[in-house]
Protein backbone atom coordinates (compact mmCIF):
# COMPACT_ATOMS: atom_id res chain seq x y z
CA UNK A 1 -65.34 -125.17 -15.14
CA UNK A 2 -63.02 -124.00 -17.89
CA UNK A 3 -64.94 -120.78 -18.12
CA UNK A 4 -64.44 -120.10 -14.36
CA UNK A 5 -60.72 -120.78 -14.53
CA UNK A 6 -60.33 -118.56 -17.56
CA UNK A 7 -62.25 -115.77 -15.87
CA UNK A 8 -60.10 -116.11 -12.75
CA UNK A 9 -56.88 -115.87 -14.79
CA UNK A 10 -58.12 -112.77 -16.62
CA UNK A 11 -59.01 -111.09 -13.33
CA UNK A 12 -55.57 -111.86 -11.93
CA UNK A 13 -53.77 -110.44 -15.00
CA UNK A 14 -55.89 -107.31 -14.84
CA UNK A 15 -55.13 -106.82 -11.14
CA UNK A 16 -51.37 -107.15 -11.64
CA UNK A 17 -51.44 -104.69 -14.54
CA UNK A 18 -53.30 -102.13 -12.45
CA UNK A 19 -50.89 -102.49 -9.53
CA UNK A 20 -47.89 -102.06 -11.86
CA UNK A 21 -49.37 -98.91 -13.38
CA UNK A 22 -49.96 -97.27 -9.96
CA UNK A 23 -46.60 -98.17 -8.33
CA UNK A 24 -44.04 -95.31 -7.97
CA UNK A 25 -40.77 -95.72 -9.86
CA UNK A 26 -37.75 -96.50 -7.64
CA UNK A 27 -34.65 -94.24 -7.82
CA UNK A 28 -31.21 -95.65 -8.34
CA UNK A 29 -29.18 -95.24 -5.15
CA UNK A 30 -26.94 -92.17 -5.36
CA UNK A 31 -23.18 -92.50 -5.73
CA UNK A 32 -20.53 -89.93 -4.84
CA UNK A 33 -20.21 -88.98 -8.54
CA UNK A 34 -23.89 -88.07 -8.99
CA UNK A 35 -25.41 -84.67 -8.15
CA UNK A 36 -27.67 -86.34 -5.64
CA UNK A 37 -24.76 -87.64 -3.52
CA UNK A 38 -25.00 -86.33 0.02
CA UNK A 39 -22.17 -83.94 1.13
CA UNK A 40 -20.85 -85.72 4.18
CA UNK A 41 -18.24 -83.56 5.98
CA UNK A 42 -14.96 -85.09 7.08
CA UNK A 43 -14.90 -86.21 10.62
CA UNK A 44 -13.45 -83.32 12.69
CA UNK A 45 -9.96 -83.89 14.00
CA UNK A 46 -9.23 -83.30 17.64
CA UNK A 47 -6.25 -80.89 18.02
CA UNK A 48 -3.32 -82.27 19.92
CA UNK A 49 -2.65 -80.85 23.32
CA UNK A 50 0.38 -78.49 23.19
CA UNK A 51 3.42 -79.91 24.87
CA UNK A 52 4.01 -78.12 28.14
CA UNK A 53 7.70 -77.92 28.89
CA UNK A 54 9.10 -77.36 32.30
CA UNK A 55 10.91 -74.00 32.63
CA UNK A 56 14.66 -74.22 32.38
CA UNK A 57 15.08 -72.40 35.68
CA UNK A 58 13.28 -70.89 38.59
CA UNK A 59 14.48 -67.95 40.64
CA UNK A 60 16.02 -70.49 43.03
CA UNK A 61 17.78 -72.65 40.43
CA UNK A 62 19.02 -69.95 38.02
CA UNK A 63 22.83 -69.63 38.34
CA UNK A 64 23.98 -66.57 40.26
CA UNK A 65 24.90 -63.79 37.82
CA UNK A 66 27.42 -60.96 37.93
CA UNK A 67 29.25 -58.85 35.40
CA UNK A 68 30.20 -55.48 34.03
CA UNK A 69 28.01 -52.40 34.04
CA UNK A 70 27.59 -52.59 30.26
CA UNK A 71 26.07 -56.08 30.44
CA UNK A 72 23.36 -55.31 33.00
CA UNK A 73 20.60 -55.00 30.33
CA UNK A 74 21.86 -58.24 28.77
CA UNK A 75 21.38 -60.16 32.01
CA UNK A 76 18.04 -58.46 32.59
CA UNK A 77 16.79 -59.53 29.16
CA UNK A 78 17.69 -63.17 29.71
CA UNK A 79 16.31 -63.21 33.27
CA UNK A 80 13.03 -61.66 32.10
CA UNK A 81 12.66 -64.33 29.40
CA UNK A 82 13.70 -67.29 31.54
CA UNK A 83 11.72 -66.44 34.66
CA UNK A 84 8.78 -64.63 33.06
CA UNK A 85 9.67 -61.44 34.91
CA UNK A 86 8.61 -57.94 34.04
CA UNK A 87 11.36 -55.43 33.23
CA UNK A 88 11.07 -54.00 36.74
CA UNK A 89 11.30 -57.43 38.37
CA UNK A 90 14.36 -58.29 36.27
CA UNK A 91 16.03 -55.03 37.30
CA UNK A 92 15.49 -55.88 40.96
CA UNK A 93 16.84 -59.41 40.43
CA UNK A 94 20.05 -58.56 38.51
CA UNK A 95 23.03 -57.07 40.35
CA UNK A 96 26.37 -56.51 38.58
CA UNK A 97 29.46 -55.36 40.47
CA UNK A 98 31.62 -54.04 37.56
CA UNK A 99 34.12 -56.02 35.52
CA UNK A 100 37.01 -56.60 37.92
CA UNK A 101 34.82 -57.16 40.96
CA UNK A 102 32.82 -59.71 38.98
CA UNK A 103 36.01 -61.69 38.26
CA UNK A 104 36.90 -61.58 41.94
CA UNK A 105 33.41 -62.69 42.97
CA UNK A 106 33.49 -65.59 40.54
CA UNK A 107 36.81 -66.87 41.87
CA UNK A 108 35.65 -66.46 45.47
CA UNK A 109 32.50 -68.46 44.75
CA UNK A 110 30.08 -65.57 45.26
CA UNK A 111 28.55 -66.07 41.82
CA UNK A 112 28.35 -68.83 39.20
CA UNK A 113 28.74 -66.99 35.88
CA UNK A 114 29.79 -63.47 34.85
CA UNK A 115 29.23 -61.45 31.67
CA UNK A 116 32.26 -59.27 31.03
CA UNK A 117 34.89 -58.06 28.60
CA UNK A 118 37.90 -60.38 28.15
CA UNK A 119 40.08 -60.82 31.23
CA UNK A 120 42.97 -58.41 31.78
CA UNK A 121 46.45 -59.79 32.40
CA UNK A 122 45.83 -59.56 36.16
CA UNK A 123 42.43 -61.23 35.89
CA UNK A 124 43.80 -63.96 33.66
CA UNK A 125 46.49 -64.71 36.22
CA UNK A 126 43.83 -64.79 38.95
CA UNK A 127 41.90 -67.39 36.95
CA UNK A 128 45.03 -69.44 36.28
CA UNK A 129 46.07 -69.36 39.94
CA UNK A 130 42.66 -70.49 41.17
CA UNK A 131 42.19 -74.13 42.10
CA UNK A 132 39.43 -74.59 39.51
CA UNK A 133 39.39 -74.42 35.73
CA UNK A 134 37.39 -71.69 34.01
CA UNK A 135 35.92 -71.26 30.55
CA UNK A 136 35.62 -67.99 28.64
CA UNK A 137 32.97 -68.02 25.89
CA UNK A 138 31.85 -65.06 23.78
CA UNK A 139 28.08 -64.55 23.98
CA UNK A 140 27.46 -61.33 21.97
CA UNK A 141 29.48 -58.98 19.78
CA UNK A 142 30.46 -55.41 20.60
CA UNK A 143 33.13 -52.91 19.60
CA UNK A 144 35.77 -50.68 21.13
CA UNK A 145 34.87 -47.08 20.28
CA UNK A 146 36.25 -43.56 20.65
CA UNK A 147 34.32 -40.42 21.48
CA UNK A 148 35.13 -36.71 21.35
CA UNK A 149 33.36 -33.52 22.35
CA UNK A 150 30.66 -32.50 19.89
CA UNK A 151 32.34 -29.09 19.46
CA UNK A 152 35.21 -30.93 17.78
CA UNK A 153 34.64 -30.78 14.00
CA UNK A 154 36.54 -34.02 13.39
CA UNK A 155 34.42 -37.08 12.70
CA UNK A 156 37.09 -39.65 11.83
CA UNK A 157 40.54 -40.76 12.97
CA UNK A 158 42.78 -43.44 11.59
CA UNK A 159 43.86 -46.15 13.98
CA UNK A 160 47.44 -44.95 13.57
CA UNK A 161 46.42 -41.41 14.59
CA UNK A 162 44.72 -42.81 17.71
CA UNK A 163 47.86 -44.75 18.59
CA UNK A 164 49.97 -41.62 18.17
CA UNK A 165 47.62 -39.61 20.39
CA UNK A 166 47.88 -42.16 23.18
CA UNK A 167 51.64 -42.52 22.75
CA UNK A 168 51.85 -38.75 23.24
CA UNK A 169 53.40 -37.98 19.85
CA UNK A 170 50.29 -36.15 18.57
CA UNK A 171 49.24 -33.52 21.10
CA UNK A 172 47.15 -31.01 19.15
CA UNK A 173 44.05 -31.56 17.04
CA UNK A 174 45.55 -29.44 14.24
CA UNK A 175 48.04 -32.30 13.64
CA UNK A 176 45.19 -34.52 12.45
CA UNK A 177 43.20 -31.90 10.52
CA UNK A 178 41.31 -30.33 13.40
CA UNK A 179 41.43 -27.01 15.17
CA UNK A 180 44.39 -25.62 17.09
CA UNK A 181 43.31 -27.12 20.40
CA UNK A 182 45.39 -29.23 22.76
CA UNK A 183 44.29 -32.86 22.97
CA UNK A 184 43.16 -34.15 26.37
CA UNK A 185 43.37 -37.96 26.12
CA UNK A 186 41.33 -39.69 28.81
CA UNK A 187 42.06 -43.26 29.89
CA UNK A 188 40.53 -45.71 32.36
CA UNK A 189 42.07 -47.46 35.38
CA UNK A 190 43.81 -50.81 34.92
CA UNK A 191 41.50 -53.84 35.10
CA UNK A 192 38.50 -51.84 33.91
CA UNK A 193 36.92 -53.44 30.86
CA UNK A 194 37.65 -50.58 28.48
CA UNK A 195 41.29 -50.22 29.61
CA UNK A 196 41.81 -53.94 29.04
CA UNK A 197 40.45 -53.51 25.51
CA UNK A 198 42.73 -50.51 24.96
CA UNK A 199 45.78 -52.60 25.84
CA UNK A 200 44.55 -55.53 23.75
CA UNK A 201 43.33 -53.75 20.61
CA UNK A 202 45.21 -50.44 20.31
CA UNK A 203 48.32 -50.06 22.44
CA UNK A 204 49.89 -52.50 24.90
CA UNK A 205 50.48 -51.35 28.45
CA UNK A 206 54.15 -50.56 27.82
CA UNK A 207 53.47 -48.22 24.90
CA UNK A 208 50.63 -46.07 26.18
CA UNK A 209 51.68 -42.81 27.84
CA UNK A 210 51.22 -42.31 31.56
CA UNK A 211 48.18 -40.30 32.54
CA UNK A 212 47.42 -38.47 35.77
CA UNK A 213 44.62 -39.74 37.96
CA UNK A 214 42.47 -36.82 36.88
CA UNK A 215 42.54 -38.24 33.34
CA UNK A 216 41.62 -41.77 34.51
CA UNK A 217 37.99 -41.60 35.67
CA UNK A 218 37.02 -44.51 37.87
CA UNK A 219 33.60 -44.97 36.28
CA UNK A 220 32.79 -45.14 32.59
CA UNK A 221 30.03 -42.58 33.03
CA UNK A 222 32.57 -40.15 34.50
CA UNK A 223 34.69 -40.43 31.35
CA UNK A 224 31.68 -39.74 29.12
CA UNK A 225 30.78 -36.76 31.30
CA UNK A 226 34.32 -35.36 31.07
CA UNK A 227 34.43 -35.64 27.29
CA UNK A 228 30.96 -34.11 27.04
CA UNK A 229 31.70 -31.11 29.26
CA UNK A 230 30.99 -27.90 27.34
CA UNK A 231 33.65 -25.74 29.00
CA UNK A 232 36.58 -28.13 29.42
CA UNK A 233 35.93 -31.02 27.06
CA UNK A 234 36.52 -29.43 23.66
CA UNK A 235 39.96 -31.00 23.33
CA UNK A 236 38.99 -34.30 24.95
CA UNK A 237 39.04 -37.82 23.57
CA UNK A 238 38.15 -41.02 25.39
CA UNK A 239 37.07 -44.59 24.76
CA UNK A 240 34.35 -47.00 25.75
CA UNK A 241 32.42 -49.99 24.48
CA UNK A 242 29.80 -49.42 21.81
CA UNK A 243 26.73 -50.58 23.71
CA UNK A 244 27.46 -48.38 26.71
CA UNK A 245 28.39 -45.22 24.76
CA UNK A 246 25.65 -45.48 22.13
CA UNK A 247 22.66 -46.69 24.09
CA UNK A 248 23.21 -47.07 27.81
CA UNK A 249 24.82 -43.76 28.77
CA UNK A 250 24.55 -41.13 26.05
CA UNK A 251 25.41 -37.48 26.67
CA UNK A 252 24.50 -34.71 24.24
CA UNK A 253 27.94 -33.10 24.50
CA UNK A 254 29.86 -36.02 23.02
CA UNK A 255 29.84 -38.03 19.81
CA UNK A 256 31.32 -41.27 18.53
CA UNK A 257 33.84 -40.97 15.74
CA UNK A 258 34.58 -43.37 12.92
CA UNK A 259 37.87 -45.25 12.78
CA UNK A 260 39.60 -45.74 9.42
CA UNK A 261 36.48 -44.26 7.81
CA UNK A 262 34.02 -46.76 9.32
CA UNK A 263 31.46 -45.60 11.86
CA UNK A 264 30.54 -48.03 14.64
CA UNK A 265 26.93 -49.22 14.19
CA UNK A 266 25.06 -52.45 14.81
CA UNK A 267 25.45 -53.23 11.12
CA UNK A 268 29.21 -52.57 10.85
CA UNK A 269 29.78 -54.57 14.02
CA UNK A 270 27.61 -57.45 12.79
CA UNK A 271 29.42 -57.65 9.44
CA UNK A 272 32.89 -57.03 10.94
CA UNK A 273 33.66 -53.97 8.81
CA UNK A 274 34.33 -51.76 11.83
CA UNK A 275 38.02 -52.32 12.65
CA UNK A 276 37.82 -52.77 16.45
CA UNK A 277 35.39 -55.65 16.99
CA UNK A 278 35.19 -57.41 20.33
CA UNK A 279 32.39 -58.77 22.49
CA UNK A 280 31.11 -59.75 25.89
CA UNK A 281 32.00 -63.10 27.36
CA UNK A 282 30.55 -65.58 29.78
CA UNK A 283 33.17 -66.75 32.28
CA UNK A 284 32.34 -69.71 34.51
CA UNK A 285 33.75 -72.77 36.25
CA UNK A 286 34.30 -75.74 34.00
CA UNK A 287 32.01 -78.67 34.75
CA UNK A 288 29.12 -76.70 36.25
CA UNK A 289 26.23 -78.44 34.47
CA UNK A 290 23.64 -75.92 35.60
CA UNK A 291 25.66 -73.05 34.17
CA UNK A 292 26.30 -75.01 30.97
CA UNK A 293 22.54 -75.44 30.58
CA UNK A 294 22.19 -71.66 30.91
CA UNK A 295 24.94 -71.13 28.34
CA UNK A 296 23.17 -73.47 25.89
CA UNK A 297 20.11 -71.23 26.19
CA UNK A 298 22.19 -68.04 25.76
CA UNK A 299 23.78 -69.34 22.56
CA UNK A 300 20.49 -70.68 21.19
CA UNK A 301 18.44 -68.84 18.57
CA UNK A 302 16.03 -67.65 21.26
CA UNK A 303 18.78 -66.52 23.63
CA UNK A 304 20.50 -64.55 20.87
CA UNK A 305 17.18 -62.99 19.82
CA UNK A 306 16.63 -61.81 23.39
CA UNK A 307 20.13 -60.27 23.35
CA UNK A 308 19.34 -58.46 20.10
CA UNK A 309 16.04 -57.14 21.46
CA UNK A 310 17.98 -55.86 24.46
CA UNK A 311 20.11 -53.76 22.09
CA UNK A 312 23.18 -55.96 21.66
CA UNK A 313 24.69 -57.40 18.47
CA UNK A 314 24.13 -61.17 18.29
CA UNK A 315 26.92 -63.52 17.29
CA UNK A 316 25.36 -64.22 13.90
């Protein structure tokens, strides 16, 4: 009996030893720090849906615009951006009726906001006499500039020389270092934007010499044409606003001159080194929330960038 039990034990020990010798070794489970750790990618993130904002205006809700000739491209740039219009569509949409007519239309309720030079004395009185209150806010910078015929060798005049020319005390270009040619000083009609700037920035109405109608062209383009004329414009001098004379209506026969040694450029207007800095203004009825929303856009970074891309000098 003992022999059988002993034999059975020996067989069992032998069997266990054989099984242990044939079994495959088990690997230690991998950890992130071991080379065998699986490279599990981060769970992909789902991008957020872009916020879709309602447009500020539609063609039906945009305030009715008017203004001077020189601010037509300004209005077109803003309209194109706000309404998603092409340049051609914006041109068809925007209609300006010149500076003084724009003031009249605003007061008569035919438009909601105008883009113009500062009001003349007559226009300011019109605004003050109206039953409503109006705000005047500058929206871009510009400059008051002088132009002469390109046959004129002069390239610079002091502000005092310009004042003397338009007082009538300097009558020949030789008096300011030019050729012996009589000066023909063109002006603009009262209540035009450039004439208002002349009274405001150079000579008041009471000091400027009288000029015949022939020397007061009704349209700014007519003044530029007169100064540019090859046969009769050699002695001419006239004035305009920078944007119009440098980019909107340029004639080969005329040139802008510097004032006090500083030439009008986008840079000298932006940094205020040119001596005759002005701007274009939004004029509108106080309390018109829809117009004020438009003005917030105009004065925003985007609105000013659109103005700059349209060729104007932004406020900052």
